[in-house]
C-alpha atoms as a PDB file:
ATOM      1  CA  MET A   1      84.309 104.454 125.840  1.00  0.00           C
ATOM      2  CA  THR A   2      87.515 104.639 123.325  1.00  0.00           C
ATOM      3  CA  VAL A   3      87.034 104.077 119.468  1.00  0.00           C
ATOM      4  CA  SER A   4      89.791 102.182 118.302  1.00  0.00           C
ATOM      5  CA  LEU A   5      90.892 103.056 114.566  1.00  0.00           C
ATOM      6  CA  PRO A   6      92.402 100.457 112.291  1.00  0.00           C
ATOM      7  CA  ASP A   7      96.115 100.147 111.883  1.00  0.00           C
ATOM      8  CA  ASN A   8      96.161 101.362 108.296  1.00  0.00           C
ATOM      9  CA  PRO A   9      95.151 104.445 106.646  1.00  0.00           C
ATOM     10  CA  GLY A  10      91.951 103.562 105.217  1.00  0.00           C
ATOM     11  CA  VAL A  11      92.310 104.610 101.829  1.00  0.00           C
ATOM     12  CA  ILE A  12      89.466 104.240  99.135  1.00  0.00           C
ATOM     13  CA  ALA A  13      91.505 101.451  97.448  1.00  0.00           C
ATOM     14  CA  GLN A  14      94.699 100.173  96.517  1.00  0.00           C
ATOM     15  CA  PRO A  15      96.290 102.664  94.551  1.00  0.00           C
ATOM     16  CA  PRO A  16      97.670 100.520  91.626  1.00  0.00           C
ATOM     17  CA  ARG A  17      93.992  99.548  91.230  1.00  0.00           C
ATOM     18  CA  LEU A  18      93.129 103.066  90.830  1.00  0.00           C
ATOM     19  CA  PHE A  19      95.825 103.758  88.106  1.00  0.00           C
ATOM     20  CA  ILE A  20      94.545 100.655  86.138  1.00  0.00           C
ATOM     21  CA  ALA A  21      90.894 101.783  86.632  1.00  0.00           C
ATOM     22  CA  ALA A  22      91.763 105.561  85.378  1.00  0.00           C
ATOM     23  CA  LEU A  23      93.941 103.713  82.303  1.00  0.00           C
ATOM     24  CA  ALA A  24      90.788 101.528  81.279  1.00  0.00           C
ATOM     25  CA  ALA A  25      88.437 104.526  81.656  1.00  0.00           C
ATOM     26  CA  GLY A  26      90.979 106.260  79.404  1.00  0.00           C
ATOM     27  CA  ALA A  27      90.948 103.366  76.777  1.00  0.00           C
ATOM     28  CA  ALA A  28      87.202 103.114  76.447  1.00  0.00           C
ATOM     29  CA  LEU A  29      87.031 106.645  75.695  1.00  0.00           C
ATOM     30  CA  GLU A  30      89.824 105.934  73.347  1.00  0.00           C
ATOM     31  CA  LEU A  31      87.804 103.392  71.619  1.00  0.00           C
ATOM     32  CA  ALA A  32      84.480 105.601  71.580  1.00  0.00           C
ATOM     33  CA  PHE A  33      85.994 108.907  70.297  1.00  0.00           C
ATOM     34  CA  GLY A  34      89.360 108.650  69.098  1.00  0.00           C
ATOM     35  CA  SER A  35      91.998 111.000  69.896  1.00  0.00           C
ATOM     36  CA  THR A  36      95.606 111.577  68.842  1.00  0.00           C
ATOM     37  CA  PHE A  37      98.494 113.609  70.678  1.00  0.00           C
ATOM     38  CA  VAL A  38     101.977 112.145  69.658  1.00  0.00           C
ATOM     39  CA  SER A  39     102.945 110.703  66.615  1.00  0.00           C
ATOM     40  CA  GLY A  40     106.358 109.213  65.025  1.00  0.00           C
ATOM     41  CA  PRO A  41     109.318 107.839  66.715  1.00  0.00           C
ATOM     42  CA  LEU A  42     109.103 110.262  69.426  1.00  0.00           C
ATOM     43  CA  ARG A  43     106.093 108.476  71.121  1.00  0.00           C
ATOM     44  CA  PHE A  44     107.711 105.135  71.312  1.00  0.00           C
ATOM     45  CA  ALA A  45     111.016 106.902  72.490  1.00  0.00           C
ATOM     46  CA  LEU A  46     109.156 109.020  75.176  1.00  0.00           C
ATOM     47  CA  GLY A  47     106.375 106.704  76.014  1.00  0.00           C
ATOM     48  CA  SER A  48     109.005 103.654  76.785  1.00  0.00           C
ATOM     49  CA  GLY A  49     111.040 105.856  78.559  1.00  0.00           C
ATOM     50  CA  LEU A  50     108.463 107.084  81.092  1.00  0.00           C
ATOM     51  CA  VAL A  51     107.234 103.671  81.570  1.00  0.00           C
ATOM     52  CA  GLY A  52     110.799 102.557  82.376  1.00  0.00           C
ATOM     53  CA  ALA A  53     111.408 105.511  84.334  1.00  0.00           C
ATOM     54  CA  GLY A  54     108.454 105.158  86.368  1.00  0.00           C
ATOM     55  CA  LEU A  55     108.713 101.421  87.138  1.00  0.00           C
ATOM     56  CA  GLY A  56     112.422 101.796  87.885  1.00  0.00           C
ATOM     57  CA  LEU A  57     111.742 104.352  90.133  1.00  0.00           C
ATOM     58  CA  ALA A  58     108.460 102.640  91.889  1.00  0.00           C
ATOM     59  CA  TYR A  59     110.551  99.331  92.509  1.00  0.00           C
ATOM     60  CA  SER A  60     113.097 101.188  93.667  1.00  0.00           C
ATOM     61  CA  ALA A  61     110.938 102.566  96.599  1.00  0.00           C
ATOM     62  CA  ILE A  62     109.108  99.463  97.170  1.00  0.00           C
ATOM     63  CA  GLY A  63     112.555  97.568  97.623  1.00  0.00           C
ATOM     64  CA  GLN A  64     113.530 100.690 100.156  1.00  0.00           C
ATOM     65  CA  GLN A  65     110.434 100.073 102.058  1.00  0.00           C
ATOM     66  CA  ARG A  66     110.569  96.191 102.082  1.00  0.00           C
ATOM     67  CA  ARG A  67     114.285  96.713 103.225  1.00  0.00           C
ATOM     68  CA  ALA A  68     113.145  98.815 106.197  1.00  0.00           C
ATOM     69  CA  GLY A  69     110.636  95.928 107.042  1.00  0.00           C
ATOM     70  CA  THR A  70     107.524  97.987 106.630  1.00  0.00           C
ATOM     71  CA  ASN A  71     104.580  96.927 104.720  1.00  0.00           C
ATOM     72  CA  ILE A  72     103.852  98.577 101.258  1.00  0.00           C
ATOM     73  CA  GLU A  73     100.040  97.726 100.985  1.00  0.00           C
ATOM     74  CA  THR A  74      97.760 100.394 101.677  1.00  0.00           C
ATOM     75  CA  HIS A  75      95.422  97.750 103.803  1.00  0.00           C
ATOM     76  CA  ARG A  76      98.262  96.971 106.472  1.00  0.00           C
ATOM     77  CA  PRO A  77      99.949  98.660 109.177  1.00  0.00           C
ATOM     78  CA  THR A  78     102.812 100.569 108.391  1.00  0.00           C
ATOM     79  CA  GLU A  79     105.846  99.680 110.652  1.00  0.00           C
ATOM     80  CA  THR A  80     108.313 102.661 110.251  1.00  0.00           C
ATOM     81  CA  ILE A  81     108.643 105.842 108.496  1.00  0.00           C
ATOM     82  CA  VAL A  82     111.374 105.305 105.681  1.00  0.00           C
ATOM     83  CA  ARG A  83     113.359 108.519 105.151  1.00  0.00           C
ATOM     84  CA  ASP A  84     116.219 107.624 103.253  1.00  0.00           C
ATOM     85  CA  GLY A  85     117.451 106.940  99.557  1.00  0.00           C
ATOM     86  CA  LEU A  86     114.099 108.279  97.621  1.00  0.00           C
ATOM     87  CA  TYR A  87     112.291 109.265 100.331  1.00  0.00           C
ATOM     88  CA  ARG A  88     114.888 112.223 101.424  1.00  0.00           C
ATOM     89  CA  TRP A  89     113.286 113.867  98.236  1.00  0.00           C
ATOM     90  CA  SER A  90     109.927 113.083  98.190  1.00  0.00           C
ATOM     91  CA  ARG A  91     107.326 111.620 100.498  1.00  0.00           C
ATOM     92  CA  ASN A  92     105.479 109.445  97.803  1.00  0.00           C
ATOM     93  CA  PRO A  93     108.099 108.490  95.034  1.00  0.00           C
ATOM     94  CA  ILE A  94     105.958 104.911  94.363  1.00  0.00           C
ATOM     95  CA  TYR A  95     102.862 107.408  93.475  1.00  0.00           C
ATOM     96  CA  ILE A  96     105.659 109.403  91.106  1.00  0.00           C
ATOM     97  CA  GLY A  97     106.845 106.284  89.501  1.00  0.00           C
ATOM     98  CA  LEU A  98     103.296 105.285  88.988  1.00  0.00           C
ATOM     99  CA  VAL A  99     102.328 108.572  87.806  1.00  0.00           C
ATOM    100  CA  LEU A 100     105.361 108.289  85.269  1.00  0.00           C
ATOM    101  CA  PHE A 101     104.470 104.832  84.191  1.00  0.00           C
ATOM    102  CA  TYR A 102     100.859 105.979  83.357  1.00  0.00           C
ATOM    103  CA  LEU A 103     102.121 108.866  81.002  1.00  0.00           C
ATOM    104  CA  GLY A 104     104.117 106.465  79.371  1.00  0.00           C
ATOM    105  CA  VAL A 105     101.503 104.173  78.625  1.00  0.00           C
ATOM    106  CA  ALA A 106      99.251 107.267  77.346  1.00  0.00           C
ATOM    107  CA  VAL A 107     102.088 108.090  75.369  1.00  0.00           C
ATOM    108  CA  LEU A 108     102.852 104.740  73.827  1.00  0.00           C
ATOM    109  CA  ALA A 109      98.728 104.493  73.184  1.00  0.00           C
ATOM    110  CA  ASP A 110      98.819 108.060  71.547  1.00  0.00           C
ATOM    111  CA  SER A 111      95.573 108.558  73.933  1.00  0.00           C
ATOM    112  CA  LEU A 112      94.656 112.074  75.019  1.00  0.00           C
ATOM    113  CA  TRP A 113      91.961 110.615  76.680  1.00  0.00           C
ATOM    114  CA  MET A 114      93.827 108.282  78.785  1.00  0.00           C
ATOM    115  CA  LEU A 115      96.085 111.756  79.384  1.00  0.00           C
ATOM    116  CA  ALA A 116      93.017 113.737  80.460  1.00  0.00           C
ATOM    117  CA  MET A 117      92.051 110.807  82.839  1.00  0.00           C
ATOM    118  CA  LEU A 118      95.338 111.725  84.887  1.00  0.00           C
ATOM    119  CA  ALA A 119      93.494 114.827  86.306  1.00  0.00           C
ATOM    120  CA  PRO A 120      90.704 112.928  87.856  1.00  0.00           C
ATOM    121  CA  LEU A 121      92.679 110.333  89.052  1.00  0.00           C
ATOM    122  CA  MET A 122      95.190 112.701  91.013  1.00  0.00           C
ATOM    123  CA  VAL A 123      91.870 114.331  92.551  1.00  0.00           C
ATOM    124  CA  VAL A 124      90.908 111.025  94.054  1.00  0.00           C
ATOM    125  CA  MET A 125      94.825 110.029  94.961  1.00  0.00           C
ATOM    126  CA  HIS A 126      94.931 113.332  96.828  1.00  0.00           C
ATOM    127  CA  PHE A 127      91.698 112.903  98.564  1.00  0.00           C
ATOM    128  CA  GLY A 128      91.069 109.267  98.533  1.00  0.00           C
ATOM    129  CA  VAL A 129      94.827 107.991  99.200  1.00  0.00           C
ATOM    130  CA  ILE A 130      97.529 110.550 100.029  1.00  0.00           C
ATOM    131  CA  LEU A 131      95.455 112.903 102.863  1.00  0.00           C
ATOM    132  CA  ARG A 132      94.257 109.462 104.677  1.00  0.00           C
ATOM    133  CA  GLU A 133      97.793 108.236 104.458  1.00  0.00           C
ATOM    134  CA  GLU A 134      99.116 111.300 106.128  1.00  0.00           C
ATOM    135  CA  ALA A 135      96.577 111.285 108.527  1.00  0.00           C
ATOM    136  CA  TYR A 136      97.124 107.715 109.387  1.00  0.00           C
ATOM    137  CA  LEU A 137     100.985 108.370 109.882  1.00  0.00           C
ATOM    138  CA  GLU A 138     100.781 111.426 111.998  1.00  0.00           C
ATOM    139  CA  ARG A 139      98.214 109.646 114.210  1.00  0.00           C
ATOM    140  CA  LYS A 140     100.517 106.820 114.511  1.00  0.00           C
ATOM    141  CA  PHE A 141     104.163 108.090 114.375  1.00  0.00           C
ATOM    142  CA  GLY A 142     103.183 111.777 116.283  1.00  0.00           C
ATOM    143  CA  ASP A 143     105.986 114.030 115.824  1.00  0.00           C
ATOM    144  CA  VAL A 144     108.336 111.708 114.060  1.00  0.00           C
ATOM    145  CA  TYR A 145     106.343 111.978 111.081  1.00  0.00           C
ATOM    146  CA  ARG A 146     105.430 115.579 111.534  1.00  0.00           C
ATOM    147  CA  ALA A 147     109.111 116.386 111.267  1.00  0.00           C
ATOM    148  CA  TYR A 148     109.651 114.058 108.347  1.00  0.00           C
ATOM    149  CA  ARG A 149     106.492 115.951 106.545  1.00  0.00           C
ATOM    150  CA  ALA A 150     108.221 119.255 107.534  1.00  0.00           C
ATOM    151  CA  SER A 151     111.498 118.166 105.817  1.00  0.00           C
ATOM    152  CA  VAL A 152     110.501 116.518 102.643  1.00  0.00           C
ATOM    153  CA  ARG A 153     107.894 117.354 100.312  1.00  0.00           C
ATOM    154  CA  ARG A 154     105.228 115.618  99.259  1.00  0.00           C
ATOM    155  CA  TRP A 155     105.836 115.345  95.731  1.00  0.00           C
ATOM    156  CA  LEU A 156     109.312 116.808  94.743  1.00  0.00           C
END
């Protein structure tokens, strides 16, 4: 008997929801215990820049996926490996964009707790999302994905 695996990576949750949950946990800790780490005009400039860069990067990478005709949602099948544009430099430009956005929100909120929640978030992303996506892509695309993985870094 052959066991058929679903045509998706089986991640533990959709990545944007994980980022929102980590921000919410950081906000709750901030309300309970308070913190500060960036003050003055630097906070607004740095935070806004990070939010803008993160959104720009994520939306650009999403646009590349859409133009290639593949699904972005992690619960749907991947149709192709995108290797051009931002995907020439990183296998995860959407996630880099989400991290930059997250950092920007933490800076704007002047919340050390939000910043601290990024570490456990990245552990969850690594084991619960990224490794599962990579295993799925290798199963589905074989040598094509292995060659891409060998030539392009996971992050930068």
